[in-house]
Amino acid sequence: MPRASQSPRQSSAAPRAAVAPKPGDAAGSYEIVKTDAFEWLAAAEPCSIHAVVTDPPYGLVEYHPDQLTKMKNGRGGVWRIPPAFDGRKRKPLPRFTVLTEKDRTSLAAFFKDLATALQRVLVPGAHVFIATNPLVSPFVYTPFMEAGFEKRGEIIRIVHTLRGGDRPKNAHEEFAEVSVMPKSCWEPWGLFRKPCEGRVQDNLRKYKTGGLRRPSENEPFKDLIHAAPARGREREIAPHPSLKPQRLLRRLVRASLPLGEGVVLDPFMGSGATIAAATALGVKSIGLEVDSSYFKMATAAIPKLAALTLPEYP
């Protein structure tokens, strides 16, 4: 899930912004800013954002420089280096199971601050889609509810990864029939809503928010999505360690604006995949990123990801 390789509280260099309209469609314009998300949120206009779709930085441990160095060296640290088999080399994955009590407390405090900051900038009825995983989701969900958000469910992404399922370390032959924990086959996205003003229909008329956009008049938006990891061309365009596929993000971004109007924010945009999804759909969006290398990646990747054709969408 992580995005940034620096602590979200770390001061950034002077913000730089880039604005790029989608060709032929001003509604798909986007702005990306190199900045600390909390600094930007503190200065943003109240009630100016209509939805948030984000994969936040769980990087309190695994994205610190020393851990990234160990990951690049292929040994040590909290990153699990998957074995190569079937002639394919797998990407490293973080071990969230090694978080200490201090780490867990820090995570909860981080998401409390984030939820509080988002409450101010979101319009009533705005939805927040936030990526997590089964091990750390309680440290996300509870702070959001305590900050006044309504939990509206979870989006379950069916995705077969290499997390979990391993035999005991250094004893895999002795305990060949034992898995330390289940192999993960799903990814939860918490779904929260800032309370509406009055009825949903009143909120829709005033703020264009309060509900979720349906794929069609005959089909509701569903909380189960099959979306394989980003591979091939997407991965070539944006080689980010936690790149989310356009097939998933375009569905979430589309659903987040029930009338197709408003501004979508990704406060931790990483490679810019959420911004690319919004651009492809003709939706206005804003992306924030504190890490210089990821900001540079996003600047180049967004128009290329947005241009990809997905025949299976929606």
Protein backbone atom coordinates (compact mmCIF):
# COMPACT_ATOMS: atom_id res chain seq x y z
CA MET A 1 0.00 0.00 0.00
CA PRO A 2 2.73 2.53 0.66
CA ARG A 3 3.36 5.45 -1.61
CA ALA A 4 5.98 7.87 -0.35
CA SER A 5 9.50 7.06 0.69
CA GLN A 6 9.60 9.86 3.23
CA SER A 7 7.60 10.39 6.40
CA PRO A 8 4.38 12.27 5.58
CA ARG A 9 5.35 14.84 8.22
CA GLN A 10 8.71 15.57 6.62
CA SER A 11 9.01 19.06 5.18
CA SER A 12 9.25 19.18 1.41
CA ALA A 13 10.98 21.51 -0.97
CA ALA A 14 9.08 24.47 -2.40
CA PRO A 15 5.98 23.04 -4.10
CA ARG A 16 5.99 22.73 -7.87
CA ALA A 17 2.78 22.36 -9.82
CA ALA A 18 1.95 21.11 -13.28
CA VAL A 19 -1.42 21.56 -14.94
CA ALA A 20 -2.36 19.51 -17.98
CA PRO A 21 -5.75 19.40 -19.67
CA LYS A 22 -7.02 16.24 -21.24
CA PRO A 23 -6.96 16.82 -25.01
CA GLY A 24 -10.32 18.10 -26.15
CA ASP A 25 -11.88 17.95 -22.68
CA ALA A 26 -11.26 20.69 -20.12
CA ALA A 27 -13.22 18.67 -17.54
CA GLY A 28 -10.34 16.20 -17.41
CA SER A 29 -7.76 18.77 -16.36
CA TYR A 30 -5.47 17.91 -13.50
CA GLU A 31 -3.00 19.58 -11.18
CA ILE A 32 -0.10 17.82 -9.51
CA VAL A 33 1.86 19.43 -6.71
CA LYS A 34 5.14 18.42 -5.10
CA THR A 35 4.32 19.08 -1.47
CA ASP A 36 3.63 17.56 1.91
CA ALA A 37 -0.01 16.49 1.88
CA PHE A 38 -0.75 17.85 5.35
CA GLU A 39 0.71 21.26 4.50
CA TRP A 40 -1.41 21.42 1.35
CA LEU A 41 -4.58 20.32 3.14
CA ALA A 42 -4.07 22.92 5.85
CA ALA A 43 -3.91 25.69 3.24
CA ALA A 44 -6.66 24.39 0.91
CA GLU A 45 -10.06 26.04 0.63
CA PRO A 46 -12.71 24.48 2.89
CA CYS A 47 -15.38 22.43 1.12
CA SER A 48 -13.46 22.40 -2.18
CA ILE A 49 -12.95 18.66 -2.80
CA HIS A 50 -15.70 16.25 -3.84
CA ALA A 51 -13.96 12.86 -3.44
CA VAL A 52 -10.72 11.21 -2.37
CA VAL A 53 -9.25 8.07 -3.93
CA THR A 54 -5.88 7.24 -2.42
CA ASP A 55 -3.36 4.59 -1.48
CA PRO A 56 -1.77 6.25 1.57
CA PRO A 57 1.78 5.97 2.88
CA TYR A 58 1.97 3.17 5.40
CA GLY A 59 5.69 3.92 5.17
CA LEU A 60 6.47 4.31 8.84
CA VAL A 61 8.85 1.37 8.56
CA GLU A 62 9.16 -0.22 5.16
CA TYR A 63 9.73 2.99 3.18
CA HIS A 64 12.48 4.45 5.30
CA PRO A 65 15.74 4.86 3.38
CA ASP A 66 17.55 2.05 5.22
CA GLN A 67 14.76 -0.38 4.46
CA LEU A 68 14.64 0.65 0.79
CA THR A 69 18.39 0.04 0.56
CA LYS A 70 17.94 -3.45 1.98
CA MET A 71 15.12 -4.09 -0.48
CA LYS A 72 17.29 -3.00 -3.42
CA ASN A 73 20.11 -5.24 -2.16
CA GLY A 74 17.69 -8.16 -2.05
CA ARG A 75 18.23 -9.14 1.56
CA GLY A 76 17.39 -8.13 5.12
CA GLY A 77 14.90 -5.61 6.44
CA VAL A 78 11.13 -5.78 6.53
CA TRP A 79 10.71 -6.39 2.79
CA ARG A 80 10.00 -9.94 1.75
CA ILE A 81 11.96 -10.80 -1.37
CA PRO A 82 9.79 -13.34 -3.23
CA PRO A 83 11.48 -16.34 -4.80
CA ALA A 84 11.87 -16.53 -8.55
CA PHE A 85 9.95 -19.38 -10.10
CA ASP A 86 8.26 -20.20 -13.41
CA GLY A 87 11.04 -18.14 -14.95
CA ARG A 88 9.60 -14.92 -13.54
CA LYS A 89 11.08 -12.53 -10.99
CA ARG A 90 8.60 -11.21 -8.43
CA LYS A 91 8.49 -7.74 -6.90
CA PRO A 92 9.43 -7.32 -3.21
CA LEU A 93 6.53 -6.97 -0.77
CA PRO A 94 6.46 -5.31 2.68
CA ARG A 95 6.00 -7.35 5.85
CA PHE A 96 3.31 -5.52 7.80
CA THR A 97 3.44 -8.29 10.40
CA VAL A 98 6.62 -6.84 11.92
CA LEU A 99 5.07 -3.55 13.05
CA THR A 100 5.74 -2.78 16.69
CA GLU A 101 3.25 -1.32 19.14
CA LYS A 102 4.90 2.05 18.58
CA ASP A 103 4.45 1.66 14.81
CA ARG A 104 0.78 0.78 15.24
CA THR A 105 0.22 3.79 17.50
CA SER A 106 1.93 6.02 14.93
CA LEU A 107 -0.26 4.63 12.16
CA ALA A 108 -3.44 5.37 14.11
CA ALA A 109 -2.23 8.92 14.87
CA PHE A 110 -1.34 9.49 11.22
CA PHE A 111 -4.79 8.47 10.01
CA LYS A 112 -6.50 10.51 12.71
CA ASP A 113 -4.63 13.59 11.45
CA LEU A 114 -5.46 12.72 7.85
CA ALA A 115 -9.16 12.20 8.57
CA THR A 116 -9.35 15.48 10.47
CA ALA A 117 -7.63 17.35 7.64
CA LEU A 118 -9.92 15.82 5.01
CA GLN A 119 -13.07 16.69 6.97
CA ARG A 120 -12.30 20.37 6.47
CA VAL A 121 -11.65 20.32 2.71
CA LEU A 122 -14.37 17.88 1.65
CA VAL A 123 -17.89 18.97 0.77
CA PRO A 124 -20.74 17.30 2.67
CA GLY A 125 -21.52 13.88 1.21
CA ALA A 126 -18.03 13.42 -0.25
CA HIS A 127 -16.70 9.86 -0.29
CA VAL A 128 -13.20 8.66 0.59
CA PHE A 129 -11.85 5.46 -0.98
CA ILE A 130 -8.71 4.45 0.94
CA ALA A 131 -6.53 1.42 0.19
CA THR A 132 -5.38 -0.76 3.05
CA ASN A 133 -4.86 -4.44 3.86
CA PRO A 134 -6.38 -6.89 6.34
CA LEU A 135 -3.53 -6.50 8.84
CA VAL A 136 -3.58 -2.72 9.26
CA SER A 137 -7.14 -1.73 8.31
CA PRO A 138 -8.25 -1.25 11.96
CA PHE A 139 -5.66 1.51 12.31
CA VAL A 140 -7.30 3.27 9.36
CA TYR A 141 -11.00 2.70 9.91
CA THR A 142 -11.28 3.60 13.59
CA PRO A 143 -9.59 7.03 13.28
CA PHE A 144 -11.80 7.94 10.31
CA MET A 145 -14.97 7.07 12.20
CA GLU A 146 -13.75 8.92 15.30
CA ALA A 147 -13.15 11.98 13.11
CA GLY A 148 -16.81 12.00 12.09
CA PHE A 149 -16.81 10.01 8.85
CA GLU A 150 -19.53 7.45 8.20
CA LYS A 151 -18.21 4.03 7.24
CA ARG A 152 -20.10 3.03 4.11
CA GLY A 153 -18.57 -0.39 3.65
CA GLU A 154 -15.48 -1.87 2.04
CA ILE A 155 -14.56 -2.37 -1.58
CA ILE A 156 -13.06 -5.83 -1.88
CA ARG A 157 -10.52 -6.13 -4.66
CA ILE A 158 -9.94 -9.75 -5.60
CA VAL A 159 -6.25 -9.99 -6.39
CA HIS A 160 -3.95 -12.97 -5.99
CA THR A 161 -0.64 -11.79 -4.58
CA LEU A 162 2.32 -13.51 -2.95
CA ARG A 163 1.61 -12.13 0.51
CA GLY A 164 1.28 -14.87 3.09
CA GLY A 165 1.10 -18.60 2.64
CA ASP A 166 4.78 -19.10 3.41
CA ARG A 167 6.12 -21.96 5.51
CA PRO A 168 8.03 -21.17 8.75
CA LYS A 169 11.24 -19.29 7.99
CA ASN A 170 14.34 -21.50 8.02
CA ALA A 171 12.15 -24.51 8.82
CA HIS A 172 10.19 -24.92 5.60
CA GLU A 173 11.28 -28.52 5.10
CA GLU A 174 10.60 -29.56 8.68
CA PHE A 175 7.11 -28.05 8.58
CA ALA A 176 6.28 -28.52 4.93
CA GLU A 177 2.53 -28.71 5.57
CA VAL A 178 2.35 -25.49 7.62
CA SER A 179 1.63 -21.92 6.49
CA VAL A 180 2.47 -19.14 8.92
CA MET A 181 -0.58 -17.16 7.79
CA PRO A 182 -3.14 -17.32 4.97
CA LYS A 183 -2.10 -16.37 1.48
CA SER A 184 -3.82 -13.08 0.75
CA CYS A 185 -6.24 -13.11 -2.18
CA TRP A 186 -8.03 -9.82 -1.53
CA GLU A 187 -7.33 -6.16 -0.84
CA PRO A 188 -9.77 -4.02 1.16
CA TRP A 189 -10.49 -0.39 0.36
CA GLY A 190 -12.22 1.45 3.17
CA LEU A 191 -15.21 3.49 2.01
CA PHE A 192 -16.16 6.52 4.10
CA ARG A 193 -18.51 9.46 3.64
CA LYS A 194 -18.57 12.90 5.17
CA PRO A 195 -22.13 13.27 6.54
CA CYS A 196 -24.65 14.79 4.15
CA GLU A 197 -26.58 17.97 4.76
CA GLY A 198 -30.12 16.71 5.06
CA ARG A 199 -31.32 13.98 2.72
CA VAL A 200 -29.10 12.41 0.08
CA GLN A 201 -31.25 13.94 -2.66
CA ASP A 202 -30.82 17.40 -1.10
CA ASN A 203 -27.06 16.89 -0.88
CA LEU A 204 -26.90 15.72 -4.49
CA ARG A 205 -28.70 18.84 -5.66
CA LYS A 206 -26.47 21.21 -3.65
CA TYR A 207 -23.03 19.56 -3.67
CA LYS A 208 -23.30 16.85 -6.40
CA THR A 209 -22.25 14.29 -3.77
CA GLY A 210 -23.77 11.84 -1.31
CA GLY A 211 -24.05 8.71 -3.40
CA LEU A 212 -22.04 6.50 -5.75
CA ARG A 213 -22.30 6.54 -9.52
CA ARG A 214 -23.80 3.39 -10.99
CA PRO A 215 -22.14 1.63 -13.95
CA SER A 216 -25.54 1.82 -15.64
CA GLU A 217 -29.18 2.49 -14.78
CA ASN A 218 -29.72 -1.24 -14.44
CA GLU A 219 -26.64 -2.05 -12.35
CA PRO A 220 -25.57 -0.68 -8.97
CA PHE A 221 -21.97 -0.01 -8.02
CA LYS A 222 -20.76 -3.19 -6.32
CA ASP A 223 -18.27 -3.76 -3.53
CA LEU A 224 -16.48 -6.66 -5.23
CA ILE A 225 -13.98 -5.96 -8.00
CA HIS A 226 -11.65 -8.37 -9.77
CA ALA A 227 -8.49 -6.47 -10.68
CA ALA A 228 -5.16 -8.16 -11.27
CA PRO A 229 -1.90 -6.36 -10.42
CA ALA A 230 -0.70 -3.74 -12.88
CA ARG A 231 1.53 -5.45 -15.41
CA GLY A 232 2.92 -5.02 -18.89
CA ARG A 233 2.58 -1.55 -20.34
CA GLU A 234 1.26 -0.02 -17.09
CA ARG A 235 4.25 -1.27 -15.15
CA GLU A 236 6.64 -0.05 -17.86
CA ILE A 237 5.11 3.43 -17.74
CA ALA A 238 5.05 3.69 -13.94
CA PRO A 239 7.44 1.29 -12.14
CA HIS A 240 6.17 2.23 -8.68
CA PRO A 241 6.39 -0.43 -5.91
CA SER A 242 2.66 -0.21 -5.16
CA LEU A 243 1.19 0.71 -8.54
CA LYS A 244 -2.57 0.14 -8.69
CA PRO A 245 -4.07 -0.90 -12.05
CA GLN A 246 -6.15 1.45 -14.15
CA ARG A 247 -8.86 -1.18 -14.34
CA LEU A 248 -9.42 -0.75 -10.59
CA LEU A 249 -8.82 2.99 -10.24
CA ARG A 250 -11.07 4.03 -13.10
CA ARG A 251 -13.95 2.15 -11.49
CA LEU A 252 -13.35 3.78 -8.12
CA VAL A 253 -12.88 7.29 -9.50
CA ARG A 254 -16.01 6.99 -11.62
CA ALA A 255 -18.07 5.78 -8.66
CA SER A 256 -16.75 8.54 -6.38
CA LEU A 257 -18.58 11.33 -8.27
CA PRO A 258 -22.25 10.30 -8.47
CA LEU A 259 -23.15 12.95 -11.06
CA GLY A 260 -19.76 12.95 -12.78
CA GLU A 261 -19.00 16.45 -11.48
CA GLY A 262 -16.45 17.73 -8.98
CA VAL A 263 -12.77 17.39 -8.07
CA VAL A 264 -11.06 14.16 -7.01
CA LEU A 265 -8.03 14.39 -4.73
CA ASP A 266 -5.20 11.91 -4.24
CA PRO A 267 -3.07 13.32 -1.40
CA PHE A 268 -0.43 10.58 -1.85
CA MET A 269 -0.37 10.09 -5.59
CA GLY A 270 2.91 8.19 -5.98
CA SER A 271 3.13 7.40 -9.69
CA GLY A 272 -0.04 9.37 -10.46
CA ALA A 273 -2.22 6.37 -11.33
CA THR A 274 -5.34 7.83 -9.66
CA ILE A 275 -4.84 11.13 -11.47
CA ALA A 276 -4.42 9.24 -14.74
CA ALA A 277 -7.68 7.38 -14.10
CA ALA A 278 -9.51 10.65 -13.48
CA THR A 279 -8.00 12.19 -16.61
CA ALA A 280 -9.07 9.20 -18.71
CA LEU A 281 -12.62 9.67 -17.43
CA GLY A 282 -12.68 13.42 -18.07
CA VAL A 283 -12.76 14.23 -14.34
CA LYS A 284 -10.93 17.11 -12.67
CA SER A 285 -8.31 15.96 -10.18
CA ILE A 286 -5.48 17.08 -7.91
CA GLY A 287 -2.48 14.94 -6.95
CA LEU A 288 0.01 15.58 -4.14
CA GLU A 289 3.39 13.91 -3.70
CA VAL A 290 6.29 14.76 -1.39
CA ASP A 291 8.92 12.46 -2.91
CA SER A 292 10.91 14.02 -5.76
CA SER A 293 11.50 10.78 -7.68
CA TYR A 294 7.85 9.75 -7.55
CA PHE A 295 6.72 13.24 -8.52
CA LYS A 296 8.98 13.09 -11.55
CA MET A 297 7.61 9.64 -12.37
CA ALA A 298 4.02 10.89 -12.12
CA THR A 299 4.71 13.89 -14.33
CA ALA A 300 5.73 11.58 -17.17
CA ALA A 301 3.37 8.69 -16.42
CA ILE A 302 -0.02 10.38 -16.02
CA PRO A 303 -0.70 11.23 -19.69
CA LYS A 304 0.57 7.83 -20.81
CA LEU A 305 -1.52 5.87 -18.30
CA ALA A 306 -4.57 8.01 -19.11
CA ALA A 307 -4.19 7.19 -22.80
CA LEU A 308 -4.35 3.43 -22.25
CA THR A 309 -7.43 1.73 -23.65
CA LEU A 310 -9.15 -0.77 -21.36
CA PRO A 311 -11.63 -2.80 -23.40
CA GLU A 312 -13.00 -4.53 -20.30
CA TYR A 313 -13.93 -1.30 -18.52
CA PRO A 314 -16.37 -0.68 -16.95
